[in-house]
C-alpha atoms as a PDB file:
ATOM      1  CA  MET A   1      27.413  43.438 -12.030  1.00  0.00           C
ATOM      2  CA  ALA A   2      30.491  45.219 -13.326  1.00  0.00           C
ATOM      3  CA  ALA A   3      28.283  47.342 -15.596  1.00  0.00           C
ATOM      4  CA  LEU A   4      25.798  47.985 -12.790  1.00  0.00           C
ATOM      5  CA  ARG A   5      28.559  49.530 -10.690  1.00  0.00           C
ATOM      6  CA  ASP A   6      28.171  52.741 -12.724  1.00  0.00           C
ATOM      7  CA  HIS A   7      24.463  53.107 -11.914  1.00  0.00           C
ATOM      8  CA  PRO A   8      23.783  56.522 -10.292  1.00  0.00           C
ATOM      9  CA  ALA A   9      22.294  54.825  -7.219  1.00  0.00           C
ATOM     10  CA  LEU A  10      25.584  53.008  -6.570  1.00  0.00           C
ATOM     11  CA  GLU A  11      28.129  55.650  -7.555  1.00  0.00           C
ATOM     12  CA  GLY A  12      30.765  53.001  -8.171  1.00  0.00           C
ATOM     13  CA  ASP A  13      30.193  51.115  -4.914  1.00  0.00           C
ATOM     14  CA  LEU A  14      28.660  47.639  -5.311  1.00  0.00           C
ATOM     15  CA  GLY A  15      28.770  47.324  -1.544  1.00  0.00           C
ATOM     16  CA  ARG A  16      25.544  49.343  -1.477  1.00  0.00           C
ATOM     17  CA  LEU A  17      23.742  46.741  -3.582  1.00  0.00           C
ATOM     18  CA  THR A  18      21.505  43.934  -2.351  1.00  0.00           C
ATOM     19  CA  VAL A  19      20.926  41.065  -4.789  1.00  0.00           C
ATOM     20  CA  VAL A  20      17.723  39.064  -4.336  1.00  0.00           C
ATOM     21  CA  GLN A  21      18.189  35.735  -6.145  1.00  0.00           C
ATOM     22  CA  ILE A  22      15.337  33.344  -6.934  1.00  0.00           C
ATOM     23  CA  ASP A  23      17.072  30.111  -7.936  1.00  0.00           C
ATOM     24  CA  ALA A  24      17.122  26.344  -7.532  1.00  0.00           C
ATOM     25  CA  HIS A  25      20.909  26.549  -7.316  1.00  0.00           C
ATOM     26  CA  ALA A  26      23.193  28.638  -5.119  1.00  0.00           C
ATOM     27  CA  ASP A  27      25.496  29.578  -8.048  1.00  0.00           C
ATOM     28  CA  LEU A  28      28.355  29.974  -5.555  1.00  0.00           C
ATOM     29  CA  ARG A  29      30.892  27.590  -7.088  1.00  0.00           C
ATOM     30  CA  SER A  30      34.432  28.822  -7.627  1.00  0.00           C
ATOM     31  CA  GLN A  31      34.364  27.102 -11.030  1.00  0.00           C
ATOM     32  CA  LEU A  32      32.494  24.439 -12.974  1.00  0.00           C
ATOM     33  CA  ASP A  33      34.423  22.306 -15.457  1.00  0.00           C
ATOM     34  CA  ASP A  34      37.364  24.730 -15.108  1.00  0.00           C
ATOM     35  CA  GLU A  35      35.159  27.698 -16.046  1.00  0.00           C
ATOM     36  CA  PRO A  36      34.987  30.392 -13.325  1.00  0.00           C
ATOM     37  CA  TYR A  37      32.343  32.332 -15.260  1.00  0.00           C
ATOM     38  CA  SER A  38      29.918  29.437 -15.619  1.00  0.00           C
ATOM     39  CA  HIS A  39      26.252  30.019 -14.838  1.00  0.00           C
ATOM     40  CA  ALA A  40      26.953  27.986 -11.689  1.00  0.00           C
ATOM     41  CA  CYS A  41      29.359  30.689 -10.496  1.00  0.00           C
ATOM     42  CA  ALA A  42      27.331  33.862 -11.097  1.00  0.00           C
ATOM     43  CA  ALA A  43      26.558  34.654  -7.455  1.00  0.00           C
ATOM     44  CA  ALA A  44      30.138  33.910  -6.415  1.00  0.00           C
ATOM     45  CA  ARG A  45      31.542  36.290  -9.009  1.00  0.00           C
ATOM     46  CA  SER A  46      29.056  38.992  -7.967  1.00  0.00           C
ATOM     47  CA  LEU A  47      30.233  38.717  -4.372  1.00  0.00           C
ATOM     48  CA  ASP A  48      33.850  38.763  -5.531  1.00  0.00           C
ATOM     49  CA  LEU A  49      33.119  42.090  -7.243  1.00  0.00           C
ATOM     50  CA  GLY A  50      31.957  43.495  -3.915  1.00  0.00           C
ATOM     51  CA  VAL A  51      28.163  43.088  -3.793  1.00  0.00           C
ATOM     52  CA  GLY A  52      27.118  44.010  -0.269  1.00  0.00           C
ATOM     53  CA  ARG A  53      24.338  41.514   0.376  1.00  0.00           C
ATOM     54  CA  LEU A  54      22.930  38.392  -1.273  1.00  0.00           C
ATOM     55  CA  ILE A  55      19.511  36.989  -0.375  1.00  0.00           C
ATOM     56  CA  GLN A  56      18.682  33.639  -2.000  1.00  0.00           C
ATOM     57  CA  VAL A  57      15.382  31.776  -2.018  1.00  0.00           C
ATOM     58  CA  GLY A  58      14.314  28.456  -3.518  1.00  0.00           C
ATOM     59  CA  VAL A  59      17.758  26.834  -3.373  1.00  0.00           C
ATOM     60  CA  ARG A  60      17.529  23.047  -3.318  1.00  0.00           C
ATOM     61  CA  ALA A  61      20.557  21.854  -5.297  1.00  0.00           C
ATOM     62  CA  HIS A  62      23.972  23.007  -4.126  1.00  0.00           C
ATOM     63  CA  SER A  63      27.422  21.593  -3.483  1.00  0.00           C
ATOM     64  CA  LEU A  64      29.474  21.229  -0.303  1.00  0.00           C
ATOM     65  CA  GLU A  65      31.696  24.049  -1.529  1.00  0.00           C
ATOM     66  CA  GLU A  66      28.661  26.299  -1.895  1.00  0.00           C
ATOM     67  CA  GLN A  67      27.329  25.303   1.520  1.00  0.00           C
ATOM     68  CA  GLN A  68      30.643  26.294   3.064  1.00  0.00           C
ATOM     69  CA  ARG A  69      30.569  29.697   1.402  1.00  0.00           C
ATOM     70  CA  ILE A  70      27.015  30.259   2.659  1.00  0.00           C
ATOM     71  CA  VAL A  71      28.275  29.529   6.183  1.00  0.00           C
ATOM     72  CA  ASP A  72      31.486  31.564   5.894  1.00  0.00           C
ATOM     73  CA  ASP A  73      30.286  34.698   4.065  1.00  0.00           C
ATOM     74  CA  ASP A  74      28.041  36.810   6.282  1.00  0.00           C
ATOM     75  CA  ARG A  75      26.774  38.731   3.246  1.00  0.00           C
ATOM     76  CA  ILE A  76      24.794  35.648   2.181  1.00  0.00           C
ATOM     77  CA  THR A  77      21.385  34.651   3.516  1.00  0.00           C
ATOM     78  CA  THR A  78      19.910  31.527   1.910  1.00  0.00           C
ATOM     79  CA  TRP A  79      16.286  30.511   2.360  1.00  0.00           C
ATOM     80  CA  PHE A  80      16.266  26.894   1.249  1.00  0.00           C
ATOM     81  CA  ALA A  81      13.260  25.483  -0.589  1.00  0.00           C
ATOM     82  CA  ARG A  82      12.953  22.650   1.922  1.00  0.00           C
ATOM     83  CA  ASP A  83      12.301  25.256   4.630  1.00  0.00           C
ATOM     84  CA  VAL A  84      10.032  27.758   2.894  1.00  0.00           C
ATOM     85  CA  MET A  85       8.024  25.058   1.077  1.00  0.00           C
ATOM     86  CA  ALA A  86       7.758  22.512   3.901  1.00  0.00           C
ATOM     87  CA  PRO A  87       4.188  21.377   4.662  1.00  0.00           C
ATOM     88  CA  GLY A  88       2.995  23.009   7.851  1.00  0.00           C
ATOM     89  CA  ARG A  89       5.949  25.008   9.166  1.00  0.00           C
ATOM     90  CA  GLY A  90       6.885  26.310   5.732  1.00  0.00           C
ATOM     91  CA  ALA A  91       4.180  28.985   5.898  1.00  0.00           C
ATOM     92  CA  SER A  92       5.722  30.688   8.929  1.00  0.00           C
ATOM     93  CA  VAL A  93       9.224  30.488   7.446  1.00  0.00           C
ATOM     94  CA  TRP A  94       7.915  31.995   4.221  1.00  0.00           C
ATOM     95  CA  ASP A  95       6.256  34.847   6.109  1.00  0.00           C
ATOM     96  CA  ALA A  96       9.555  35.585   7.859  1.00  0.00           C
ATOM     97  CA  PHE A  97      11.312  35.673   4.482  1.00  0.00           C
ATOM     98  CA  ILE A  98       8.755  38.106   3.058  1.00  0.00           C
ATOM     99  CA  GLU A  99       9.258  40.373   6.081  1.00  0.00           C
ATOM    100  CA  VAL A 100      12.976  40.474   5.278  1.00  0.00           C
ATOM    101  CA  LEU A 101      12.212  41.558   1.714  1.00  0.00           C
ATOM    102  CA  GLU A 102       9.775  44.238   2.840  1.00  0.00           C
ATOM    103  CA  GLY A 103      12.486  45.620   5.134  1.00  0.00           C
ATOM    104  CA  LEU A 104      15.143  45.955   2.431  1.00  0.00           C
ATOM    105  CA  GLU A 105      17.030  49.235   2.174  1.00  0.00           C
ATOM    106  CA  GLY A 106      18.975  50.856  -0.639  1.00  0.00           C
ATOM    107  CA  PRO A 107      19.534  49.711  -4.230  1.00  0.00           C
ATOM    108  CA  VAL A 108      18.363  46.194  -5.142  1.00  0.00           C
ATOM    109  CA  HIS A 109      18.936  43.892  -8.109  1.00  0.00           C
ATOM    110  CA  LEU A 110      16.336  41.136  -8.585  1.00  0.00           C
ATOM    111  CA  SER A 111      17.710  38.030 -10.312  1.00  0.00           C
ATOM    112  CA  PHE A 112      15.086  35.478 -11.322  1.00  0.00           C
ATOM    113  CA  ASP A 113      16.491  32.170 -12.521  1.00  0.00           C
ATOM    114  CA  ILE A 114      13.384  30.489 -13.859  1.00  0.00           C
ATOM    115  CA  ASP A 115      14.433  27.150 -12.347  1.00  0.00           C
ATOM    116  CA  GLY A 116      13.687  28.662  -8.947  1.00  0.00           C
ATOM    117  CA  LEU A 117      10.105  27.729  -9.759  1.00  0.00           C
ATOM    118  CA  ASP A 118       8.984  24.138  -9.444  1.00  0.00           C
ATOM    119  CA  GLY A 119      10.050  22.013 -12.406  1.00  0.00           C
ATOM    120  CA  THR A 120       6.431  21.249 -13.316  1.00  0.00           C
ATOM    121  CA  LEU A 121       5.981  24.933 -14.194  1.00  0.00           C
ATOM    122  CA  VAL A 122       9.214  25.358 -16.130  1.00  0.00           C
ATOM    123  CA  PRO A 123      10.381  22.048 -17.607  1.00  0.00           C
ATOM    124  CA  ALA A 124      12.257  23.847 -20.391  1.00  0.00           C
ATOM    125  CA  THR A 125      15.140  25.251 -18.377  1.00  0.00           C
ATOM    126  CA  GLY A 126      18.760  24.204 -18.262  1.00  0.00           C
ATOM    127  CA  THR A 127      18.539  22.223 -15.028  1.00  0.00           C
ATOM    128  CA  PRO A 128      14.930  21.820 -13.826  1.00  0.00           C
ATOM    129  CA  VAL A 129      14.582  20.706 -10.207  1.00  0.00           C
ATOM    130  CA  PRO A 130      11.448  19.522  -8.377  1.00  0.00           C
ATOM    131  CA  GLY A 131      10.323  21.100  -5.132  1.00  0.00           C
ATOM    132  CA  GLY A 132      10.551  24.755  -6.112  1.00  0.00           C
ATOM    133  CA  LEU A 133       8.428  27.850  -5.638  1.00  0.00           C
ATOM    134  CA  THR A 134       4.891  28.046  -6.955  1.00  0.00           C
ATOM    135  CA  TYR A 135       3.788  30.756  -9.354  1.00  0.00           C
ATOM    136  CA  TRP A 136       2.117  32.683  -6.528  1.00  0.00           C
ATOM    137  CA  HIS A 137       5.170  32.448  -4.282  1.00  0.00           C
ATOM    138  CA  ALA A 138       7.186  34.106  -7.037  1.00  0.00           C
ATOM    139  CA  ILE A 139       4.575  36.823  -7.489  1.00  0.00           C
ATOM    140  CA  GLN A 140       4.713  37.559  -3.767  1.00  0.00           C
ATOM    141  CA  VAL A 141       8.506  37.871  -3.882  1.00  0.00           C
ATOM    142  CA  ILE A 142       8.304  40.420  -6.685  1.00  0.00           C
ATOM    143  CA  GLU A 143       5.606  42.425  -4.919  1.00  0.00           C
ATOM    144  CA  ALA A 144       7.495  42.384  -1.604  1.00  0.00           C
ATOM    145  CA  VAL A 145      10.770  43.570  -3.137  1.00  0.00           C
ATOM    146  CA  PHE A 146       9.123  46.399  -5.037  1.00  0.00           C
ATOM    147  CA  SER A 147       7.001  47.458  -2.054  1.00  0.00           C
ATOM    148  CA  ALA A 148       9.956  47.829   0.349  1.00  0.00           C
ATOM    149  CA  SER A 149       9.598  51.470   1.389  1.00  0.00           C
ATOM    150  CA  GLU A 150      13.329  52.101   1.866  1.00  0.00           C
ATOM    151  CA  ALA A 151      14.594  50.167  -1.178  1.00  0.00           C
ATOM    152  CA  THR A 152      14.748  50.819  -4.912  1.00  0.00           C
ATOM    153  CA  VAL A 153      14.907  48.013  -7.466  1.00  0.00           C
ATOM    154  CA  ILE A 154      17.370  49.430  -9.979  1.00  0.00           C
ATOM    155  CA  SER A 155      17.697  46.349 -12.204  1.00  0.00           C
ATOM    156  CA  ALA A 156      16.352  42.845 -12.772  1.00  0.00           C
ATOM    157  CA  ASP A 157      16.847  39.793 -14.949  1.00  0.00           C
ATOM    158  CA  VAL A 158      14.857  36.672 -15.856  1.00  0.00           C
ATOM    159  CA  ASN A 159      17.126  33.918 -17.125  1.00  0.00           C
ATOM    160  CA  GLU A 160      17.743  30.257 -18.083  1.00  0.00           C
ATOM    161  CA  ILE A 161      14.764  29.734 -20.378  1.00  0.00           C
ATOM    162  CA  VAL A 162      15.177  27.317 -23.280  1.00  0.00           C
ATOM    163  CA  ARG A 163      12.839  26.482 -26.133  1.00  0.00           C
ATOM    164  CA  GLN A 164      10.151  23.936 -25.287  1.00  0.00           C
ATOM    165  CA  GLU A 165       8.770  21.831 -28.114  1.00  0.00           C
ATOM    166  CA  GLY A 166       5.074  21.015 -27.971  1.00  0.00           C
ATOM    167  CA  SER A 167       4.143  23.379 -25.145  1.00  0.00           C
ATOM    168  CA  PRO A 168       4.713  27.088 -24.464  1.00  0.00           C
ATOM    169  CA  LEU A 169       4.437  26.615 -20.679  1.00  0.00           C
ATOM    170  CA  THR A 170       8.002  27.568 -19.755  1.00  0.00           C
ATOM    171  CA  GLN A 171       8.221  30.527 -22.113  1.00  0.00           C
ATOM    172  CA  PHE A 172       4.792  31.767 -21.088  1.00  0.00           C
ATOM    173  CA  THR A 173       5.601  31.452 -17.379  1.00  0.00           C
ATOM    174  CA  ALA A 174       8.856  33.364 -17.851  1.00  0.00           C
ATOM    175  CA  ALA A 175       7.061  36.050 -19.848  1.00  0.00           C
ATOM    176  CA  MET A 176       4.498  36.445 -17.079  1.00  0.00           C
ATOM    177  CA  MET A 177       7.266  36.850 -14.500  1.00  0.00           C
ATOM    178  CA  ALA A 178       8.992  39.478 -16.635  1.00  0.00           C
ATOM    179  CA  THR A 179       5.684  41.272 -17.173  1.00  0.00           C
ATOM    180  CA  LYS A 180       5.045  41.292 -13.425  1.00  0.00           C
ATOM    181  CA  ILE A 181       8.475  42.803 -12.780  1.00  0.00           C
ATOM    182  CA  LEU A 182       7.948  45.515 -15.388  1.00  0.00           C
ATOM    183  CA  GLY A 183       4.471  46.219 -14.058  1.00  0.00           C
ATOM    184  CA  ALA A 184       5.750  46.474 -10.481  1.00  0.00           C
ATOM    185  CA  HIS A 185       8.422  48.915 -11.648  1.00  0.00           C
ATOM    186  CA  ALA A 186       5.831  51.034 -13.471  1.00  0.00           C
ATOM    187  CA  LEU A 187       3.603  51.035 -10.387  1.00  0.00           C
ATOM    188  CA  ALA A 188       6.506  52.088  -8.153  1.00  0.00           C
ATOM    189  CA  ARG A 189       7.271  55.009 -10.463  1.00  0.00           C
ATOM    190  CA  ARG A 190       3.642  56.080 -10.605  1.00  0.00           C
ATOM    191  CA  GLU A 191       3.367  56.079  -6.815  1.00  0.00           C
ATOM    192  CA  GLY A 192       6.641  57.936  -6.321  1.00  0.00           C
ATOM    193  CA  ARG A 193       8.472  54.946  -4.857  1.00  0.00           C
ATOM    194  CA  TRP A 194      11.283  54.748  -7.393  1.00  0.00           C
ATOM    195  CA  ALA A 195      14.416  56.854  -7.643  1.00  0.00           C
ATOM    196  CA  GLY A 196      17.056  56.289 -10.295  1.00  0.00           C
ATOM    197  CA  HIS A 197      19.718  58.003  -8.178  1.00  0.00           C
ATOM    198  CA  ASN A 198      21.287  57.529  -4.780  1.00  0.00           C
ATOM    199  CA  PRO A 199      18.244  57.952  -2.500  1.00  0.00           C
ATOM    200  CA  SER A 200      20.449  58.645   0.529  1.00  0.00           C
ATOM    201  CA  ARG A 201      21.174  62.091  -0.836  1.00  0.00           C
ATOM    202  CA  LYS A 202      17.648  63.255  -0.175  1.00  0.00           C
ATOM    203  CA  GLY A 203      16.906  61.188   2.916  1.00  0.00           C
ATOM    204  CA  PRO A 204      14.268  58.477   3.213  1.00  0.00           C
ATOM    205  CA  ARG A 205      11.245  58.585   0.971  1.00  0.00           C
ATOM    206  CA  ALA A 206       7.895  59.471   2.449  1.00  0.00           C
ATOM    207  CA  PRO A 207       5.626  56.445   2.943  1.00  0.00           C
ATOM    208  CA  GLN A 208       3.376  55.867  -0.044  1.00  0.00           C
ATOM    209  CA  PRO A 209       0.199  53.816  -0.387  1.00  0.00           C
ATOM    210  CA  ARG A 210       1.068  50.434  -1.870  1.00  0.00           C
ATOM    211  CA  HIS A 211      -1.137  48.432  -4.167  1.00  0.00           C
ATOM    212  CA  THR A 212      -1.014  45.213  -6.131  1.00  0.00           C
ATOM    213  CA  PHE A 213      -2.563  44.398  -9.472  1.00  0.00           C
ATOM    214  CA  SER A 214      -5.443  42.708  -7.667  1.00  0.00           C
ATOM    215  CA  ASP A 215      -6.522  45.969  -6.020  1.00  0.00           C
ATOM    216  CA  PRO A 216      -9.436  47.873  -7.589  1.00  0.00           C
END
């Protein structure tokens, strides 16, 4: 995040940035085992640096400390896995979440911790957790973020993959997610929906037709 501050779209102000975080964990701890820069503290440190908005989805393993920060910090919106994946009502909650993504404005960073997916898809991650997003849920998140007409995804990461002996499932799933992100970026550029500068200088972008890879 400190390096991203110098991106032309931010002009030194991380308060303009929205972080969309796919993750099984909130990563909002002040420290873990006396380490404030642990992977369990990444979102907390980003907010401490001044990130303007944090949208989390898939969270299903978090501490009381993290729950309190979610309640206290109005920059954080957390869509818990138990809500978006619940049988029956989960579909309507998920649709509401996707609407939020499609309405994003300004610069966006997409952070994809692979353990945000269900543990059956990515067993080779640092802390796999059952009850996560399906492959197609993750694809929809990526498409929604990149299709937001008033937002620009200026950076992204896919993280927490470890080597899996005997099966390439985790690595292959992560590679497919990264490929989807790169493809969505390329599509946004081709359709004129990407600007590597501060888009507010030129006003809102004109609406563009939006497609997915399933379109002819």
